[in-house]
């Protein structure tokens, strides 16, 4: 048990390596110490490629964000988050930023996600004849 500055006792136990609670004062002091060494890019938003989403999130996603996309089956969650991942990867490559985007999904196999990615990329390439269908990718 520990005692906070305001005199209250704490009996809080957090799982894993999250550590004990930290006061706002301690957080501000730590930020001020680290600020001179901080890479300015770490404070900039990461654009998702969806203008309305970026507008409503202060310019895009932010470092250390954890985003959950949930909903019923077959409403486009996987398409949506894979498109965001693609847009972030392209943005990172263009800006030479070392951003990592991790997509964790439970509904689809790696094979199906790769097939969908190939299909989508073929259509986004802008060929006059269009892209490759998912059925053709599976057949091939």
C-alpha atoms as a PDB file:
ATOM      1  CA  UNK A   1       0.000   0.000   0.000  1.00  0.00           C
ATOM      2  CA  UNK A   2       1.278   3.489  -0.854  1.00  0.00           C
ATOM      3  CA  UNK A   3       0.203   6.976   0.035  1.00  0.00           C
ATOM      4  CA  UNK A   4      -0.431   9.652  -2.579  1.00  0.00           C
ATOM      5  CA  UNK A   5       0.424  13.331  -2.099  1.00  0.00           C
ATOM      6  CA  UNK A   6      -3.222  14.078  -1.295  1.00  0.00           C
ATOM      7  CA  UNK A   7      -3.098  11.700   1.674  1.00  0.00           C
ATOM      8  CA  UNK A   8      -5.194   8.879   0.208  1.00  0.00           C
ATOM      9  CA  UNK A   9      -3.939   5.346   0.492  1.00  0.00           C
ATOM     10  CA  UNK A  10      -3.801   3.159  -2.589  1.00  0.00           C
ATOM     11  CA  UNK A  11      -4.222  -0.557  -2.925  1.00  0.00           C
ATOM     12  CA  UNK A  12      -4.163  -0.641  -6.716  1.00  0.00           C
ATOM     13  CA  UNK A  13      -2.516  -3.549  -8.491  1.00  0.00           C
ATOM     14  CA  UNK A  14      -2.148  -3.409 -12.259  1.00  0.00           C
ATOM     15  CA  UNK A  15      -1.516  -6.422 -14.491  1.00  0.00           C
ATOM     16  CA  UNK A  16       1.718  -7.091 -16.319  1.00  0.00           C
ATOM     17  CA  UNK A  17       4.278  -4.369 -16.677  1.00  0.00           C
ATOM     18  CA  UNK A  18       1.947  -1.384 -16.581  1.00  0.00           C
ATOM     19  CA  UNK A  19       3.483  -0.237 -13.319  1.00  0.00           C
ATOM     20  CA  UNK A  20       1.987   1.795 -10.539  1.00  0.00           C
ATOM     21  CA  UNK A  21      -0.141   4.892 -11.171  1.00  0.00           C
ATOM     22  CA  UNK A  22       1.791   8.051 -11.964  1.00  0.00           C
ATOM     23  CA  UNK A  23       0.610  11.509 -10.974  1.00  0.00           C
ATOM     24  CA  UNK A  24       0.002  14.209 -13.554  1.00  0.00           C
ATOM     25  CA  UNK A  25       2.853  16.220 -12.029  1.00  0.00           C
ATOM     26  CA  UNK A  26       5.264  13.309 -12.530  1.00  0.00           C
ATOM     27  CA  UNK A  27       4.046  12.871 -16.102  1.00  0.00           C
ATOM     28  CA  UNK A  28       4.582  16.558 -16.919  1.00  0.00           C
ATOM     29  CA  UNK A  29       8.044  16.525 -15.343  1.00  0.00           C
ATOM     30  CA  UNK A  30       9.004  13.404 -17.313  1.00  0.00           C
ATOM     31  CA  UNK A  31       7.731  14.975 -20.553  1.00  0.00           C
ATOM     32  CA  UNK A  32       9.718  18.158 -19.896  1.00  0.00           C
ATOM     33  CA  UNK A  33      12.894  16.103 -19.317  1.00  0.00           C
ATOM     34  CA  UNK A  34      12.398  14.087 -22.514  1.00  0.00           C
ATOM     35  CA  UNK A  35      11.219  16.961 -24.741  1.00  0.00           C
ATOM     36  CA  UNK A  36      14.681  18.209 -25.830  1.00  0.00           C
ATOM     37  CA  UNK A  37      15.590  14.702 -27.080  1.00  0.00           C
ATOM     38  CA  UNK A  38      12.180  13.912 -28.584  1.00  0.00           C
ATOM     39  CA  UNK A  39      11.927  13.465 -32.338  1.00  0.00           C
ATOM     40  CA  UNK A  40       9.324  16.028 -33.520  1.00  0.00           C
ATOM     41  CA  UNK A  41       7.870  13.426 -35.899  1.00  0.00           C
ATOM     42  CA  UNK A  42       6.712  11.418 -32.871  1.00  0.00           C
ATOM     43  CA  UNK A  43       4.237  14.202 -32.050  1.00  0.00           C
ATOM     44  CA  UNK A  44       2.822  14.556 -35.570  1.00  0.00           C
ATOM     45  CA  UNK A  45      -0.396  12.812 -36.605  1.00  0.00           C
ATOM     46  CA  UNK A  46      -0.218   9.916 -39.055  1.00  0.00           C
ATOM     47  CA  UNK A  47      -2.739  10.455 -41.861  1.00  0.00           C
ATOM     48  CA  UNK A  48      -5.119   7.559 -42.513  1.00  0.00           C
ATOM     49  CA  UNK A  49      -5.921   8.614 -46.064  1.00  0.00           C
ATOM     50  CA  UNK A  50      -9.556   9.202 -45.102  1.00  0.00           C
ATOM     51  CA  UNK A  51      -9.955  13.012 -44.977  1.00  0.00           C
ATOM     52  CA  UNK A  52     -13.032  13.039 -42.718  1.00  0.00           C
ATOM     53  CA  UNK A  53     -11.447  10.609 -40.246  1.00  0.00           C
ATOM     54  CA  UNK A  54      -8.211  12.611 -40.239  1.00  0.00           C
ATOM     55  CA  UNK A  55     -10.163  15.814 -39.672  1.00  0.00           C
ATOM     56  CA  UNK A  56     -11.991  14.326 -36.689  1.00  0.00           C
ATOM     57  CA  UNK A  57      -8.853  12.829 -35.115  1.00  0.00           C
ATOM     58  CA  UNK A  58      -6.672  15.909 -35.194  1.00  0.00           C
ATOM     59  CA  UNK A  59      -4.894  15.082 -38.443  1.00  0.00           C
ATOM     60  CA  UNK A  60      -4.887  11.296 -38.239  1.00  0.00           C
ATOM     61  CA  UNK A  61      -3.734   8.648 -35.812  1.00  0.00           C
ATOM     62  CA  UNK A  62      -1.136   9.424 -33.198  1.00  0.00           C
ATOM     63  CA  UNK A  63       1.894   7.511 -31.968  1.00  0.00           C
ATOM     64  CA  UNK A  64       0.984   4.888 -29.402  1.00  0.00           C
ATOM     65  CA  UNK A  65      -2.704   4.916 -30.400  1.00  0.00           C
ATOM     66  CA  UNK A  66      -4.509   1.626 -30.116  1.00  0.00           C
ATOM     67  CA  UNK A  67      -7.603   1.540 -32.285  1.00  0.00           C
ATOM     68  CA  UNK A  68     -10.331  -1.102 -32.136  1.00  0.00           C
ATOM     69  CA  UNK A  69     -12.733  -1.425 -35.048  1.00  0.00           C
ATOM     70  CA  UNK A  70     -15.696  -3.580 -34.147  1.00  0.00           C
ATOM     71  CA  UNK A  71     -19.005  -4.395 -35.741  1.00  0.00           C
ATOM     72  CA  UNK A  72     -21.144  -7.077 -37.317  1.00  0.00           C
ATOM     73  CA  UNK A  73     -19.725  -9.434 -39.932  1.00  0.00           C
ATOM     74  CA  UNK A  74     -19.594  -8.315 -43.561  1.00  0.00           C
ATOM     75  CA  UNK A  75     -19.900  -4.572 -42.965  1.00  0.00           C
ATOM     76  CA  UNK A  76     -16.405  -3.717 -44.277  1.00  0.00           C
ATOM     77  CA  UNK A  77     -14.233  -3.622 -41.132  1.00  0.00           C
ATOM     78  CA  UNK A  78     -11.385  -5.596 -42.685  1.00  0.00           C
ATOM     79  CA  UNK A  79     -11.499  -3.581 -45.903  1.00  0.00           C
ATOM     80  CA  UNK A  80     -11.511  -0.343 -43.916  1.00  0.00           C
ATOM     81  CA  UNK A  81      -8.577  -1.153 -41.628  1.00  0.00           C
ATOM     82  CA  UNK A  82      -6.523  -2.761 -44.389  1.00  0.00           C
ATOM     83  CA  UNK A  83      -7.043   0.383 -46.480  1.00  0.00           C
ATOM     84  CA  UNK A  84      -5.877   2.518 -43.543  1.00  0.00           C
ATOM     85  CA  UNK A  85      -2.840   0.240 -43.153  1.00  0.00           C
ATOM     86  CA  UNK A  86      -2.065   0.552 -46.866  1.00  0.00           C
ATOM     87  CA  UNK A  87      -2.409   4.333 -46.751  1.00  0.00           C
ATOM     88  CA  UNK A  88      -0.162   4.581 -43.693  1.00  0.00           C
ATOM     89  CA  UNK A  89       2.469   2.358 -45.331  1.00  0.00           C
ATOM     90  CA  UNK A  90       2.448   4.484 -48.489  1.00  0.00           C
ATOM     91  CA  UNK A  91       2.634   7.700 -46.454  1.00  0.00           C
ATOM     92  CA  UNK A  92       5.523   6.313 -44.396  1.00  0.00           C
ATOM     93  CA  UNK A  93       7.423   5.275 -47.542  1.00  0.00           C
ATOM     94  CA  UNK A  94       6.904   8.678 -49.211  1.00  0.00           C
ATOM     95  CA  UNK A  95       7.917  10.638 -46.118  1.00  0.00           C
ATOM     96  CA  UNK A  96      10.697   8.185 -45.156  1.00  0.00           C
ATOM     97  CA  UNK A  97       9.032   7.797 -41.782  1.00  0.00           C
ATOM     98  CA  UNK A  98       9.668   4.623 -39.780  1.00  0.00           C
ATOM     99  CA  UNK A  99       6.034   4.185 -38.774  1.00  0.00           C
ATOM    100  CA  UNK A 100       4.810   0.635 -38.224  1.00  0.00           C
ATOM    101  CA  UNK A 101       1.165  -0.247 -38.679  1.00  0.00           C
ATOM    102  CA  UNK A 102       0.028  -3.529 -37.193  1.00  0.00           C
ATOM    103  CA  UNK A 103      -3.268  -5.111 -38.165  1.00  0.00           C
ATOM    104  CA  UNK A 104      -4.596  -7.882 -35.962  1.00  0.00           C
ATOM    105  CA  UNK A 105      -7.645  -9.674 -37.259  1.00  0.00           C
ATOM    106  CA  UNK A 106      -9.566 -12.695 -36.079  1.00  0.00           C
ATOM    107  CA  UNK A 107     -12.055 -13.252 -38.889  1.00  0.00           C
ATOM    108  CA  UNK A 108      -9.828 -14.035 -41.886  1.00  0.00           C
ATOM    109  CA  UNK A 109      -6.753 -16.102 -42.708  1.00  0.00           C
ATOM    110  CA  UNK A 110      -3.471 -14.602 -43.875  1.00  0.00           C
ATOM    111  CA  UNK A 111      -4.091 -16.152 -47.304  1.00  0.00           C
ATOM    112  CA  UNK A 112      -7.470 -14.458 -47.713  1.00  0.00           C
ATOM    113  CA  UNK A 113      -6.094 -11.100 -46.536  1.00  0.00           C
ATOM    114  CA  UNK A 114      -3.258 -11.360 -49.062  1.00  0.00           C
ATOM    115  CA  UNK A 115      -5.689 -12.254 -51.852  1.00  0.00           C
ATOM    116  CA  UNK A 116      -7.845  -9.256 -50.994  1.00  0.00           C
ATOM    117  CA  UNK A 117      -4.776  -7.010 -50.892  1.00  0.00           C
ATOM    118  CA  UNK A 118      -3.685  -8.173 -54.364  1.00  0.00           C
ATOM    119  CA  UNK A 119      -7.197  -7.647 -55.702  1.00  0.00           C
ATOM    120  CA  UNK A 120      -7.505  -4.151 -54.235  1.00  0.00           C
ATOM    121  CA  UNK A 121      -4.039  -3.094 -55.396  1.00  0.00           C
ATOM    122  CA  UNK A 122      -4.765  -4.309 -58.924  1.00  0.00           C
ATOM    123  CA  UNK A 123      -7.872  -2.117 -59.069  1.00  0.00           C
ATOM    124  CA  UNK A 124      -6.136   0.879 -57.535  1.00  0.00           C
ATOM    125  CA  UNK A 125      -3.340   0.671 -60.117  1.00  0.00           C
ATOM    126  CA  UNK A 126      -5.742   2.474 -62.453  1.00  0.00           C
ATOM    127  CA  UNK A 127      -5.387   0.228 -65.496  1.00  0.00           C
ATOM    128  CA  UNK A 128      -8.032   0.970 -68.165  1.00  0.00           C
ATOM    129  CA  UNK A 129      -9.043  -2.703 -68.243  1.00  0.00           C
ATOM    130  CA  UNK A 130      -9.689  -2.637 -64.490  1.00  0.00           C
ATOM    131  CA  UNK A 131      -8.243  -4.915 -61.846  1.00  0.00           C
ATOM    132  CA  UNK A 132      -8.061  -8.595 -61.098  1.00  0.00           C
ATOM    133  CA  UNK A 133     -11.047 -10.188 -59.409  1.00  0.00           C
ATOM    134  CA  UNK A 134     -10.774 -12.140 -56.183  1.00  0.00           C
ATOM    135  CA  UNK A 135     -12.155 -15.163 -58.068  1.00  0.00           C
ATOM    136  CA  UNK A 136      -9.356 -14.934 -60.656  1.00  0.00           C
ATOM    137  CA  UNK A 137      -6.729 -14.643 -57.930  1.00  0.00           C
ATOM    138  CA  UNK A 138      -8.133 -17.770 -56.237  1.00  0.00           C
ATOM    139  CA  UNK A 139      -8.345 -19.647 -59.534  1.00  0.00           C
ATOM    140  CA  UNK A 140      -4.773 -18.775 -60.436  1.00  0.00           C
END
